[in-house]
Structure formats: C-alpha cells, structure tokens
Amino acid sequence: MVIALHPDGPQSHMHLPSQLQYQDRTAACRYLGLQVGSKIAAGTAWKKATEKLAVRLRLASQKTLTVDQRSLIAGAIIVPNLLYVARHQWPSVADVNDMDARIRHYVWHGQFKTDVSGLRAWLDADLAALPRSTGGLAIPDIRAELYALAAVTVSKWAVTGTAQMHIVGDILFHNRAGGRAPAVYITPEYAPVAPSGIHRRPTLWSMGRAMLSQAGAPDTQDTDTMGAFAAAAYACGGYRADWNGSHLIVDCTTMLASLMGDKRSRALHERGRVQMEWLPYADIGTLQVYARDGNRKTLAAACGRKPNAHNILNDFVKWTRRGTGHMVFTFNIPHLGVAQRNMAEDLTRVLVTNFTEIATHTLHFNE
C-alpha cells in the first residue's frame, strides 16, 4: 500500500508496479501510531487516540479505585499518548476542551467521558493541579502540557537544529500550500502575560514561537539596577557618534570604562560571557530593552519607532567592532534624513547600553 502525499491523491503520471496500489485519497491508515493519508479529516488522529484511551482506561478502572490512583494514570498514560499525537497533528480548540473534560471526569469520577451529570469534584481545579508535595493531586492540565510541548519543540529546533532541520522548520512555519518560505528567526523574551493569557495558535510551530516570544527568556532579576544604569548612561555622556555617509562611527570607551564597566564586570562574574551572535536576528518589535527613561520597553519604542514595528535588525543595520569601545554601524537605508539619523543614533546607543558585549568582543557574524 502506497500513500500519495499530495492532498488530491495520486496524479495521472504516477504509476506503480502491479504488486503495489495507492491508498484511497480519503482513507486513513495507522503508521507508527499515527493516522496518515492523502487527505484525511482534521482531528482523525486525535479521535482515534481518544477511542484507544477509552478502552485502556476502562480496563484499568477495574484496579484503580481512588482519585489519587487515577491521577497517576492520567499523568503516566493519558498525557504522553496525547503529546505524541499532538506533535504530528496539532489539536483544535474543540479537541483540547473535550480532552480536558474527559481527563477531569476520569480522575474524579472514573469515567472517561465529556459530560458526567450529578457529580462534582471535591477540590478546586487549580489546587488539584498542584504537585503532591504542596497538597495537590498533580492532575495534568492538557492545555499547559501542549503549550510546553510546543515551546520545547521550537526551542530545540532553533538552538540545536542542523541546517537541514532549520530549512524544514522554516517550511513548517510557513504552513501554506505555495510561495517561498522565509527564514524564521525567534526573539526569546520575558514579558508580562496579558490578562487573557497566551492565545492558542493553529499549529505547533506557531504556538511554540508565541510561547518563546512571551516567556522564552529568564525573568529579569535586576530590573531596578538595569533601569538606573540605562538612565545614567544617557545622563553622564561618554558616548560620541559621528556620521560618514551611511556609516555611524561610535566611540563609547568612556561610558564603558565608567558606568557600563561595572555592569559588565558584575554580569561576567554572575553569568559568564554572553554570546551575542543572535542579536542581529532580533525582532525590534519584540526585544525588550531599557530605554533613556530607565523603563523596560521594546527596542522599537526605545528608539522612537512605532511600538508595533517588526523588523529584524540585520535587515537595516550591521555593525563591526574596531577595538574595545569603538564601533561602526552601517545602515542600508538610502538618504538618511535628520530625523532618521537621530533615530539611528538612539538605536545604537540603546544597543550599546543594553548589550555592552557587542562593543567589547567580536561577533563572528559581522566580523
């Protein structure tokens, strides 16, 4: 049996030996635990996984009589099965809501069903999800598990993926039938979560990207100190910038030797040397920095651009280091006016103030 990957099934020019035949275009078959086919209905794999779990849990219910026992089964059997399926077929909102209800009803009432009437849980859902060591039952939250899966998958792809894996990831991010898939760069950040939370995305890849852009960096522990450093760096001077055509020549040796020198020395002692090869690919509408007023905001807002502007730094500026504290920023924007030059100067000062490493050691990307 051969499965044609094209959604319209086998094409007229595709011929097989007599011993082989194509699977029907709308049919599905099981392959490595998944439902595969040319054009199978959305949610087929999730539906089959639900049916399989219902049978296994019905058998297990003969020996699991307590809520505590069933919560262990939910974490050890139900969730791993669903995550394996979700890695290859991202569930819809309806599928997730359905499974969330089934897990809760199974743990509390021993019934793997969407609707159980006349029965109630005897512990609040948030408390029940806490670890046993803190008084909860560790009942899994399938929505949180799916979001974590997406974040880990995309993070591994971005950090440790090979060139071939990165190309495949770019295509999966594109998620369209035609056109050229652009290269994808992710700016990890830690920003306050909106009251409505992080909204679900239609694919695992877009969900993982949203998670990393929202909560992919460690929480800033020294916010007040960093804000004061940034404000002082603007107030004390020690930063000179001169234009030569589209090149901005920067001398920040005095600033580095005074305020920012202390910051860099402390950061080096606490966290080690920071690798900044990722910075040219950062999204200016996502990357959080400390601005002139000492407040944390996006790089776009900090240098006077629209807060929702989304561009990769490497699209319009490159930089090289000519000794500690001496840098040349090259802007590929034709005919820079006065306002644009002021904005460019603000951008370079924000970059050097927040990422002093670019002025103190070489980035192999640019040099």
Protein backbone atom coordinates (compact mmCIF):
# COMPACT_ATOMS: atom_id res chain seq x y z
CA MET A 1 0.00 0.00 0.00
CA VAL A 2 1.40 3.40 -1.03
CA ILE A 3 0.17 6.76 0.28
CA ALA A 4 0.33 9.70 -2.13
CA LEU A 5 1.41 12.78 -0.19
CA HIS A 6 -0.43 15.17 -2.50
CA PRO A 7 -3.85 16.07 -1.00
CA ASP A 8 -5.52 15.25 -4.32
CA GLY A 9 -4.10 11.74 -4.21
CA PRO A 10 -2.09 10.05 -6.98
CA GLN A 11 -1.62 12.09 -10.16
CA SER A 12 -2.12 10.80 -13.70
CA HIS A 13 1.61 10.49 -14.40
CA MET A 14 2.26 8.40 -11.26
CA HIS A 15 2.43 4.66 -11.95
CA LEU A 16 3.14 1.77 -9.59
CA PRO A 17 4.25 -1.83 -10.10
CA SER A 18 1.38 -4.31 -10.22
CA GLN A 19 2.17 -5.58 -6.71
CA LEU A 20 1.50 -2.15 -5.18
CA GLN A 21 -1.55 0.05 -5.03
CA TYR A 22 -2.40 3.52 -3.80
CA GLN A 23 -4.45 4.03 -0.67
CA ASP A 24 -7.75 5.77 -1.33
CA ARG A 25 -7.40 9.55 -1.12
CA THR A 26 -9.81 9.98 1.80
CA ALA A 27 -8.84 6.80 3.66
CA ALA A 28 -6.55 6.70 6.69
CA CYS A 29 -4.22 4.01 7.95
CA ARG A 30 -2.10 3.57 11.05
CA TYR A 31 1.62 4.25 10.71
CA LEU A 32 3.92 4.45 13.76
CA GLY A 33 0.90 5.06 15.97
CA LEU A 34 -0.48 7.87 13.81
CA GLN A 35 -3.28 8.16 11.28
CA VAL A 36 -1.87 9.06 7.86
CA GLY A 37 -3.39 9.57 4.42
CA SER A 38 -3.54 11.85 1.40
CA LYS A 39 -6.45 13.93 2.65
CA ILE A 40 -7.86 12.69 5.92
CA ALA A 41 -10.31 14.67 8.01
CA ALA A 42 -8.89 17.07 10.58
CA GLY A 43 -8.79 15.56 14.04
CA THR A 44 -8.73 11.95 12.84
CA ALA A 45 -5.59 11.09 14.82
CA TRP A 46 -6.96 12.80 17.94
CA LYS A 47 -10.26 10.92 17.63
CA LYS A 48 -8.51 7.56 17.27
CA ALA A 49 -6.29 8.33 20.26
CA THR A 50 -9.38 9.13 22.34
CA GLU A 51 -11.02 5.83 21.39
CA LYS A 52 -7.84 3.90 22.21
CA LEU A 53 -7.50 5.59 25.61
CA ALA A 54 -11.16 4.92 26.42
CA VAL A 55 -10.59 1.17 26.03
CA ARG A 56 -7.36 1.14 28.06
CA LEU A 57 -8.84 3.23 30.86
CA ARG A 58 -11.95 1.07 31.02
CA LEU A 59 -9.71 -1.93 31.67
CA ALA A 60 -7.58 0.00 34.16
CA SER A 61 -10.66 1.14 36.09
CA GLN A 62 -11.08 -2.42 37.38
CA LYS A 63 -7.99 -1.93 39.56
CA THR A 64 -7.92 1.82 40.18
CA LEU A 65 -10.48 2.80 42.77
CA THR A 66 -9.21 6.10 44.17
CA VAL A 67 -8.77 9.61 42.80
CA ASP A 68 -5.09 9.50 43.69
CA GLN A 69 -4.55 6.33 41.65
CA ARG A 70 -6.39 7.72 38.65
CA SER A 71 -4.44 10.99 38.76
CA LEU A 72 -1.23 8.96 38.50
CA ILE A 73 -2.60 7.16 35.44
CA ALA A 74 -3.60 10.47 33.86
CA GLY A 75 -0.05 11.74 34.11
CA ALA A 76 1.67 8.49 33.13
CA ILE A 77 -0.59 7.19 30.35
CA ILE A 78 -3.07 9.75 29.03
CA VAL A 79 -0.79 12.77 28.62
CA PRO A 80 2.21 11.01 26.95
CA ASN A 81 -0.14 9.38 24.41
CA LEU A 82 -1.76 12.68 23.56
CA LEU A 83 1.52 14.59 23.32
CA TYR A 84 2.85 12.05 20.82
CA VAL A 85 -0.20 12.59 18.65
CA ALA A 86 -0.14 16.38 19.09
CA ARG A 87 3.49 16.54 17.94
CA HIS A 88 2.31 15.39 14.50
CA GLN A 89 -1.29 16.64 14.40
CA TRP A 90 -1.96 19.76 16.45
CA PRO A 91 -5.43 19.53 18.04
CA SER A 92 -8.23 22.03 17.57
CA VAL A 93 -9.75 24.06 20.41
CA ALA A 94 -12.73 21.70 20.49
CA ASP A 95 -10.43 18.67 20.77
CA VAL A 96 -8.50 20.21 23.66
CA ASN A 97 -11.64 21.25 25.54
CA ASP A 98 -13.13 17.79 25.02
CA MET A 99 -10.00 16.04 26.31
CA ASP A 100 -9.65 18.41 29.27
CA ALA A 101 -13.17 17.49 30.39
CA ARG A 102 -12.51 13.77 29.87
CA ILE A 103 -9.35 13.84 31.99
CA ARG A 104 -11.06 15.67 34.84
CA HIS A 105 -14.07 13.36 34.82
CA TYR A 106 -11.85 10.29 34.68
CA VAL A 107 -9.74 11.37 37.65
CA TRP A 108 -12.64 12.47 39.84
CA HIS A 109 -15.38 10.05 38.81
CA GLY A 110 -13.65 7.21 36.97
CA GLN A 111 -15.49 7.98 33.73
CA PHE A 112 -13.53 8.97 30.62
CA LYS A 113 -16.43 10.99 29.24
CA THR A 114 -17.04 14.57 28.19
CA ASP A 115 -20.17 15.02 30.28
CA VAL A 116 -20.88 13.47 33.67
CA SER A 117 -24.06 14.69 35.35
CA GLY A 118 -24.82 14.83 39.04
CA LEU A 119 -21.19 14.61 40.23
CA ARG A 120 -18.72 17.27 41.32
CA ALA A 121 -15.01 17.45 42.04
CA TRP A 122 -14.24 17.97 45.71
CA LEU A 123 -11.17 20.16 45.10
CA ASP A 124 -10.66 23.31 43.06
CA ALA A 125 -9.02 22.62 39.67
CA ASP A 126 -6.07 24.95 40.36
CA LEU A 127 -5.37 23.26 43.70
CA ALA A 128 -5.77 19.79 42.23
CA ALA A 129 -3.15 20.60 39.58
CA LEU A 130 -0.52 21.42 42.23
CA PRO A 131 2.22 18.84 42.93
CA ARG A 132 1.55 16.31 45.66
CA SER A 133 4.36 17.81 47.73
CA THR A 134 2.34 21.03 48.04
CA GLY A 135 -1.03 19.44 48.77
CA GLY A 136 -2.34 18.88 45.24
CA LEU A 137 -3.04 15.78 43.18
CA ALA A 138 -0.83 16.65 40.18
CA ILE A 139 -3.81 16.33 37.83
CA PRO A 140 -2.36 17.25 34.42
CA ASP A 141 -3.56 20.31 32.55
CA ILE A 142 -3.59 19.15 28.93
CA ARG A 143 -3.61 22.71 27.60
CA ALA A 144 -0.49 23.64 29.58
CA GLU A 145 1.17 20.37 28.52
CA LEU A 146 0.52 21.15 24.86
CA TYR A 147 1.89 24.68 25.18
CA ALA A 148 5.01 23.34 26.90
CA LEU A 149 5.45 20.75 24.15
CA ALA A 150 5.29 23.47 21.50
CA ALA A 151 7.80 25.67 23.33
CA VAL A 152 10.30 22.84 23.85
CA THR A 153 9.99 21.61 20.26
CA VAL A 154 10.59 25.03 18.73
CA SER A 155 13.37 25.85 21.22
CA LYS A 156 15.27 22.65 20.37
CA TRP A 157 14.82 23.34 16.67
CA ALA A 158 16.17 26.88 16.99
CA VAL A 159 19.08 26.13 19.33
CA THR A 160 20.36 22.70 18.34
CA GLY A 161 18.87 22.10 14.90
CA THR A 162 21.06 21.38 11.89
CA ALA A 163 20.92 23.42 8.68
CA GLN A 164 18.58 20.83 7.15
CA MET A 165 16.34 20.90 10.23
CA HIS A 166 16.19 24.69 10.07
CA ILE A 167 15.06 24.54 6.44
CA VAL A 168 12.32 22.03 7.32
CA GLY A 169 11.26 24.22 10.25
CA ASP A 170 11.02 27.28 8.01
CA ILE A 171 8.69 25.34 5.71
CA LEU A 172 6.54 24.15 8.63
CA PHE A 173 6.34 27.70 9.99
CA HIS A 174 5.21 28.88 6.54
CA ASN A 175 2.25 26.45 6.65
CA ARG A 176 0.98 27.41 3.20
CA ALA A 177 0.49 25.45 0.00
CA GLY A 178 2.52 27.79 -2.21
CA GLY A 179 5.04 30.59 -2.15
CA ARG A 180 8.56 30.80 -0.79
CA ALA A 181 9.02 30.02 2.90
CA PRO A 182 11.06 32.82 4.52
CA ALA A 183 13.80 32.13 7.06
CA VAL A 184 12.39 32.27 10.59
CA TYR A 185 14.20 33.95 13.49
CA ILE A 186 12.80 33.97 17.01
CA THR A 187 13.47 36.60 19.66
CA PRO A 188 13.05 34.99 23.11
CA GLU A 189 11.59 37.37 25.65
CA TYR A 190 10.04 37.52 29.10
CA ALA A 191 7.12 39.94 29.06
CA PRO A 192 4.16 40.33 31.43
CA VAL A 193 1.42 37.90 30.42
CA ALA A 194 -1.75 39.61 29.23
CA PRO A 195 -4.88 39.13 31.39
CA SER A 196 -6.34 36.94 28.64
CA GLY A 197 -3.24 34.72 28.65
CA ILE A 198 -1.32 33.45 25.63
CA HIS A 199 -3.75 32.74 22.83
CA ARG A 200 -3.73 29.39 21.10
CA ARG A 201 -2.16 29.24 17.64
CA PRO A 202 -3.28 26.98 14.75
CA THR A 203 -0.06 24.94 14.57
CA LEU A 204 2.51 23.55 17.00
CA TRP A 205 5.21 25.70 15.38
CA SER A 206 3.35 29.00 15.62
CA MET A 207 2.32 28.14 19.19
CA GLY A 208 5.91 27.42 20.18
CA ARG A 209 7.09 30.66 18.63
CA ALA A 210 4.44 32.61 20.57
CA MET A 211 5.50 30.92 23.81
CA LEU A 212 9.17 31.78 23.31
CA SER A 213 8.35 35.36 22.37
CA GLN A 214 6.27 35.71 25.53
CA ALA A 215 8.11 33.63 28.12
CA GLY A 216 11.24 32.26 26.49
CA ALA A 217 13.82 34.27 28.42
CA PRO A 218 14.54 34.27 32.17
CA ASP A 219 12.74 36.79 34.33
CA THR A 220 14.80 39.91 34.83
CA GLN A 221 16.05 39.84 38.42
CA ASP A 222 17.84 43.21 38.45
CA THR A 223 15.22 45.40 36.76
CA ASP A 224 15.74 48.41 39.03
CA THR A 225 19.52 48.28 38.74
CA MET A 226 19.46 47.90 34.96
CA GLY A 227 16.99 50.75 34.61
CA ALA A 228 19.23 53.00 36.68
CA PHE A 229 22.28 52.01 34.62
CA ALA A 230 20.50 52.85 31.37
CA ALA A 231 19.27 56.23 32.61
CA ALA A 232 22.71 57.11 34.00
CA ALA A 233 24.43 56.09 30.76
CA TYR A 234 22.38 58.69 28.90
CA ALA A 235 22.86 61.37 31.56
CA CYS A 236 26.62 61.07 32.06
CA GLY A 237 27.64 61.17 28.40
CA GLY A 238 30.78 59.32 27.36
CA TYR A 239 29.20 58.34 24.05
CA ARG A 240 30.25 60.08 20.83
CA ALA A 241 28.78 59.37 17.40
CA ASP A 242 29.87 60.81 14.04
CA TRP A 243 28.38 60.19 10.61
CA ASN A 244 30.34 59.29 7.49
CA GLY A 245 27.77 58.73 4.77
CA SER A 246 25.65 55.76 5.86
CA HIS A 247 28.24 54.75 8.47
CA LEU A 248 27.84 55.83 12.10
CA ILE A 249 31.20 55.78 13.90
CA VAL A 250 30.74 55.35 17.64
CA ASP A 251 33.21 55.89 20.48
CA CYS A 252 31.82 54.66 23.80
CA THR A 253 35.08 53.93 25.63
CA THR A 254 34.38 56.46 28.40
CA MET A 255 30.91 55.08 29.05
CA LEU A 256 32.22 51.51 29.10
CA ALA A 257 35.01 52.43 31.48
CA SER A 258 32.64 54.05 33.97
CA LEU A 259 29.05 53.01 34.45
CA MET A 260 28.78 50.16 31.99
CA GLY A 261 32.15 48.75 33.00
CA ASP A 262 30.78 47.93 36.45
CA LYS A 263 27.68 46.36 34.92
CA ARG A 264 29.71 44.21 32.54
CA SER A 265 32.12 43.04 35.26
CA ARG A 266 29.29 42.01 37.55
CA ALA A 267 27.40 40.23 34.76
CA LEU A 268 30.57 38.40 33.70
CA HIS A 269 31.11 37.22 37.27
CA GLU A 270 27.50 36.11 37.81
CA ARG A 271 26.54 34.65 34.42
CA GLY A 272 29.72 34.20 32.42
CA ARG A 273 30.39 35.56 28.96
CA VAL A 274 27.24 36.25 26.95
CA GLN A 275 27.17 35.13 23.33
CA MET A 276 25.52 37.80 21.19
CA GLU A 277 25.50 36.12 17.77
CA TRP A 278 21.70 36.04 17.94
CA LEU A 279 21.30 39.82 18.27
CA PRO A 280 21.42 40.71 14.53
CA TYR A 281 18.37 38.46 14.06
CA ALA A 282 16.35 40.02 16.91
CA ASP A 283 12.92 41.48 16.17
CA ILE A 284 12.90 45.14 17.22
CA GLY A 285 9.19 44.93 17.99
CA THR A 286 9.74 42.07 20.45
CA LEU A 287 13.18 42.55 22.02
CA GLN A 288 12.87 44.22 25.42
CA VAL A 289 15.50 46.81 26.43
CA TYR A 290 15.99 49.60 28.97
CA ALA A 291 15.38 52.99 27.40
CA ARG A 292 16.53 56.54 28.16
CA ASP A 293 13.96 56.92 30.96
CA GLY A 294 15.09 53.68 32.63
CA ASN A 295 11.88 51.83 31.78
CA ARG A 296 11.76 48.49 30.00
CA LYS A 297 10.15 48.58 26.56
CA THR A 298 10.60 47.18 23.08
CA LEU A 299 13.65 48.22 21.09
CA ALA A 300 11.36 49.83 18.50
CA ALA A 301 9.71 52.02 21.13
CA ALA A 302 13.03 52.83 22.82
CA CYS A 303 14.49 54.33 19.64
CA GLY A 304 11.40 56.29 18.60
CA ARG A 305 9.81 53.90 16.12
CA LYS A 306 6.25 52.65 16.27
CA PRO A 307 5.93 50.20 19.19
CA ASN A 308 4.40 47.55 16.92
CA ALA A 309 7.13 47.82 14.23
CA HIS A 310 8.52 44.39 13.41
CA ASN A 311 11.84 44.23 11.60
CA ILE A 312 14.97 42.15 12.03
CA LEU A 313 17.98 44.28 12.99
CA ASN A 314 20.06 42.68 10.28
CA ASP A 315 17.57 43.93 7.66
CA PHE A 316 18.68 47.56 8.04
CA VAL A 317 21.84 47.77 10.16
CA LYS A 318 25.10 45.88 10.61
CA TRP A 319 27.97 46.62 12.93
CA THR A 320 31.66 45.90 13.35
CA ARG A 321 33.96 46.47 16.30
CA ARG A 322 37.26 48.29 15.87
CA GLY A 323 38.75 47.78 19.27
CA THR A 324 37.06 47.97 22.65
CA GLY A 325 34.52 50.78 22.70
CA HIS A 326 34.97 51.71 19.03
CA MET A 327 32.26 50.58 16.62
CA VAL A 328 30.97 51.27 13.13
CA PHE A 329 27.25 50.88 12.43
CA THR A 330 26.32 50.66 8.75
CA PHE A 331 22.72 51.45 7.79
CA ASN A 332 21.40 50.17 4.48
CA ILE A 333 18.71 52.87 4.36
CA PRO A 334 19.23 55.28 1.43
CA HIS A 335 19.20 59.05 2.01
CA LEU A 336 19.06 59.23 5.78
CA GLY A 337 17.38 62.48 6.82
CA VAL A 338 17.87 64.37 10.07
CA ALA A 339 15.01 62.60 11.84
CA GLN A 340 16.19 59.20 10.64
CA ARG A 341 19.74 59.91 11.76
CA ASN A 342 18.54 60.90 15.22
CA MET A 343 16.53 57.69 15.39
CA ALA A 344 19.55 55.70 14.23
CA GLU A 345 21.75 57.29 16.90
CA ASP A 346 19.17 56.42 19.56
CA LEU A 347 19.11 52.85 18.27
CA THR A 348 22.89 52.44 18.50
CA ARG A 349 23.04 53.95 21.98
CA VAL A 350 20.28 51.65 23.21
CA LEU A 351 22.08 48.63 21.75
CA VAL A 352 25.44 49.50 23.31
CA THR A 353 23.86 50.41 26.65
CA ASN A 354 21.90 47.16 26.92
CA PHE A 355 24.33 44.82 25.16
CA THR A 356 27.79 46.08 26.05
CA GLU A 357 29.27 42.80 24.80
CA ILE A 358 28.93 43.96 21.19
CA ALA A 359 31.43 46.74 21.93
CA THR A 360 33.86 44.63 23.93
CA HIS A 361 34.35 41.41 21.97
CA THR A 362 33.99 40.25 18.39
CA LEU A 363 30.82 38.79 16.94
CA HIS A 364 31.81 36.26 14.31
CA PHE A 365 28.59 37.02 12.42
CA ASN A 366 29.67 40.53 11.49
CA GLU A 367 33.46 40.23 11.57
